Amino acid sequence: MFGDMAVELDEVDVKLLTALQADADRTNVELARLVGLSPAATLHRVRWLKESGVIRIISARLDPAAVGFPLQMYVTATLARHDPRSSRIFDEQVRALPQIIAADNVAGETDYMLTVVARDVTELQQVLAALATHGGQRLVTYLRLEEIKPPSRLPLTPTTPAPGRPARQRRRATPR
């Protein structure tokens, strides 16, 4: 992984990433046709984008209600204590609860922003109780009524190397 440093992306990388963000189920042959490379070169590019950490994971986005989770909430959580041990215990509980499908540590009036799904109110109460017993002092729940804008593509543009920094070197894909 390259950490928090931005990876240099050329026009082909941007085309590939934009196509994969729109539909990650595209075949390598389709991607190759879209970007004007051979399938072998395209496979090499996508593999490099994964290895560099630009592509974290390729996954399917499910509709929670369609698979039995009609309740979708955002929960803000403020910790009772802010020492490293308390944060670690709360983080571990958040990771252990499968109903918490996304979680971010944030700056501001609260410490965490959680996305929670539940089959019913009882399941939601169990999740909130588990958070409260593991350091969540102030839990505020917001019922998600309607999706206005789904998670969307990053607005990518090609980048150039920083001044004085050499351009990224690519190995040529060798035919097998």
Protein backbone atom coordinates (compact mmCIF):
# COMPACT_ATOMS: atom_id res chain seq x y z
CA MET A 1 0.00 0.00 0.00
CA PHE A 2 1.08 3.58 -0.58
CA GLY A 3 -0.49 5.05 2.59
CA ASP A 4 -2.19 8.43 2.34
CA MET A 5 -0.04 9.62 -0.56
CA ALA A 6 -1.99 10.03 -3.80
CA VAL A 7 -1.00 7.63 -6.55
CA GLU A 8 -0.15 9.08 -9.96
CA LEU A 9 -2.95 8.24 -12.43
CA ASP A 10 -2.77 8.62 -16.19
CA GLU A 11 -5.68 8.94 -18.61
CA VAL A 12 -5.99 5.14 -19.08
CA ASP A 13 -6.05 4.61 -15.28
CA VAL A 14 -8.81 7.21 -14.96
CA LYS A 15 -10.86 5.56 -17.75
CA LEU A 16 -10.46 2.14 -16.11
CA LEU A 17 -11.36 3.41 -12.64
CA THR A 18 -14.36 5.37 -13.91
CA ALA A 19 -15.65 2.31 -15.78
CA LEU A 20 -15.15 0.03 -12.77
CA GLN A 21 -16.86 2.52 -10.43
CA ALA A 22 -19.87 2.59 -12.76
CA ASP A 23 -20.01 -1.21 -13.11
CA ALA A 24 -17.42 -3.40 -11.38
CA ASP A 25 -18.93 -6.47 -13.05
CA ARG A 26 -17.43 -5.61 -16.46
CA THR A 27 -15.23 -8.27 -18.02
CA ASN A 28 -11.56 -7.62 -18.71
CA VAL A 29 -12.33 -7.79 -22.45
CA GLU A 30 -14.99 -5.06 -22.09
CA LEU A 31 -12.57 -2.90 -20.08
CA ALA A 32 -9.83 -3.40 -22.67
CA ARG A 33 -12.19 -2.29 -25.46
CA LEU A 34 -13.23 0.79 -23.44
CA VAL A 35 -9.68 1.98 -22.80
CA GLY A 36 -8.07 0.86 -26.05
CA LEU A 37 -5.54 -1.60 -24.60
CA SER A 38 -5.02 -5.30 -25.09
CA PRO A 39 -6.73 -7.56 -22.52
CA ALA A 40 -3.29 -8.52 -21.12
CA ALA A 41 -2.25 -4.88 -20.69
CA THR A 42 -5.64 -4.05 -19.15
CA LEU A 43 -5.35 -6.92 -16.69
CA HIS A 44 -1.85 -5.68 -15.76
CA ARG A 45 -3.19 -2.13 -15.17
CA VAL A 46 -6.08 -3.31 -13.01
CA ARG A 47 -3.74 -5.57 -11.01
CA TRP A 48 -1.40 -2.59 -10.44
CA LEU A 49 -4.33 -0.40 -9.33
CA LYS A 50 -5.28 -3.09 -6.79
CA GLU A 51 -1.72 -3.60 -5.54
CA SER A 52 -1.17 0.16 -5.16
CA GLY A 53 -4.26 0.44 -2.95
CA VAL A 54 -6.22 2.66 -5.38
CA ILE A 55 -8.81 -0.13 -5.80
CA ARG A 56 -9.59 -1.34 -2.29
CA ILE A 57 -12.09 -4.01 -3.17
CA ILE A 58 -14.54 -4.91 -5.91
CA SER A 59 -17.93 -5.83 -4.45
CA ALA A 60 -21.66 -5.94 -5.10
CA ARG A 61 -23.89 -3.24 -3.58
CA LEU A 62 -27.05 -4.84 -2.16
CA ASP A 63 -30.40 -3.26 -1.38
CA PRO A 64 -30.77 -3.70 2.41
CA ALA A 65 -34.60 -3.70 2.35
CA ALA A 66 -34.69 -6.30 -0.45
CA VAL A 67 -32.60 -8.72 1.64
CA GLY A 68 -34.56 -8.30 4.89
CA PHE A 69 -33.23 -5.16 6.59
CA PRO A 70 -36.08 -2.62 6.40
CA LEU A 71 -34.60 -0.44 9.14
CA GLN A 72 -31.58 1.59 8.09
CA MET A 73 -30.17 4.14 10.51
CA TYR A 74 -27.32 6.49 11.08
CA VAL A 75 -26.12 6.47 14.66
CA THR A 76 -23.80 9.06 16.13
CA ALA A 77 -21.86 7.90 19.15
CA THR A 78 -19.92 9.88 21.72
CA LEU A 79 -17.60 7.99 24.03
CA ALA A 80 -17.83 8.31 27.81
CA ARG A 81 -14.01 8.32 27.97
CA HIS A 82 -11.45 9.27 25.35
CA ASP A 83 -8.39 7.28 26.42
CA PRO A 84 -6.80 4.79 23.97
CA ARG A 85 -8.14 1.73 25.83
CA SER A 86 -11.75 2.99 25.76
CA SER A 87 -11.49 3.83 22.06
CA ARG A 88 -10.03 0.39 21.28
CA ILE A 89 -12.83 -1.41 23.20
CA PHE A 90 -15.51 0.61 21.38
CA ASP A 91 -13.82 0.10 17.98
CA GLU A 92 -13.66 -3.66 18.58
CA GLN A 93 -17.38 -3.76 19.44
CA VAL A 94 -18.26 -1.77 16.33
CA ARG A 95 -16.26 -4.19 14.16
CA ALA A 96 -17.88 -7.20 15.89
CA LEU A 97 -21.49 -6.15 15.22
CA PRO A 98 -22.51 -7.26 11.71
CA GLN A 99 -25.49 -4.87 11.73
CA ILE A 100 -23.00 -1.96 11.64
CA ILE A 101 -22.21 -1.88 7.94
CA ALA A 102 -20.05 1.27 7.97
CA ALA A 103 -18.32 3.22 10.71
CA ASP A 104 -16.16 6.32 10.77
CA ASN A 105 -14.32 8.08 13.58
CA VAL A 106 -15.10 11.78 13.07
CA ALA A 107 -14.13 15.18 14.42
CA GLY A 108 -16.84 17.50 15.71
CA GLU A 109 -19.68 17.21 18.20
CA THR A 110 -19.60 13.42 18.15
CA ASP A 111 -16.89 10.75 17.96
CA TYR A 112 -18.38 8.21 15.53
CA MET A 113 -20.80 8.09 12.63
CA LEU A 114 -22.21 4.59 12.15
CA THR A 115 -24.47 3.11 9.48
CA VAL A 116 -26.67 0.42 10.98
CA VAL A 117 -29.20 -2.00 9.48
CA ALA A 118 -31.75 -4.02 11.45
CA ARG A 119 -34.55 -6.48 10.76
CA ASP A 120 -36.75 -4.91 13.47
CA VAL A 121 -36.73 -2.52 16.44
CA THR A 122 -35.64 -5.30 18.83
CA GLU A 123 -32.49 -5.92 16.78
CA LEU A 124 -31.78 -2.18 16.72
CA GLN A 125 -32.18 -2.03 20.52
CA GLN A 126 -29.68 -4.90 20.89
CA VAL A 127 -27.11 -3.06 18.76
CA LEU A 128 -27.57 0.17 20.73
CA ALA A 129 -27.31 -1.71 24.05
CA ALA A 130 -24.09 -3.38 22.93
CA LEU A 131 -22.62 0.00 21.99
CA ALA A 132 -23.73 1.57 25.29
CA THR A 133 -22.14 -1.20 27.35
CA HIS A 134 -18.86 -0.82 25.47
CA GLY A 135 -18.33 2.90 26.06
CA GLY A 136 -20.91 4.66 23.90
CA GLN A 137 -22.29 7.30 26.25
CA ARG A 138 -24.43 9.41 23.94
CA LEU A 139 -26.04 7.52 21.07
CA VAL A 140 -28.28 9.47 18.70
CA THR A 141 -30.20 7.47 16.09
CA TYR A 142 -31.41 8.91 12.78
CA LEU A 143 -33.83 6.81 10.76
CA ARG A 144 -32.92 6.79 7.06
CA LEU A 145 -36.12 7.56 5.17
CA GLU A 146 -34.99 7.66 1.55
CA GLU A 147 -31.78 7.54 -0.46
CA ILE A 148 -31.38 10.84 -2.29
CA LYS A 149 -28.01 10.11 -3.89
CA PRO A 150 -26.38 6.69 -3.79
CA PRO A 151 -22.67 6.38 -3.12
CA SER A 152 -21.20 7.80 -6.30
CA ARG A 153 -18.03 7.73 -8.33
CA LEU A 154 -15.02 9.82 -7.37
CA PRO A 155 -14.58 12.69 -9.87
CA LEU A 156 -11.21 11.49 -11.18
CA THR A 157 -8.82 13.34 -13.46
CA PRO A 158 -5.35 12.33 -14.61
CA THR A 159 -2.54 13.52 -12.35
CA THR A 160 1.05 14.44 -13.08
CA PRO A 161 4.04 13.78 -10.84
CA ALA A 162 4.95 16.43 -8.29
CA PRO A 163 7.74 18.79 -9.41
CA GLY A 164 11.12 17.12 -8.94
CA ARG A 165 9.52 13.68 -8.57
CA PRO A 166 10.11 11.10 -11.29
CA ALA A 167 7.13 9.74 -13.20
CA ARG A 168 5.83 6.33 -12.15
CA GLN A 169 7.62 3.53 -13.94
CA ARG A 170 5.51 0.73 -15.35
CA ARG A 171 6.79 -2.69 -16.21
CA ARG A 172 5.80 -3.78 -19.67
CA ALA A 173 3.29 -6.61 -19.70
CA THR A 174 5.00 -9.63 -21.17
CA PRO A 175 2.96 -12.10 -23.21
CA ARG A 176 2.69 -15.57 -21.69
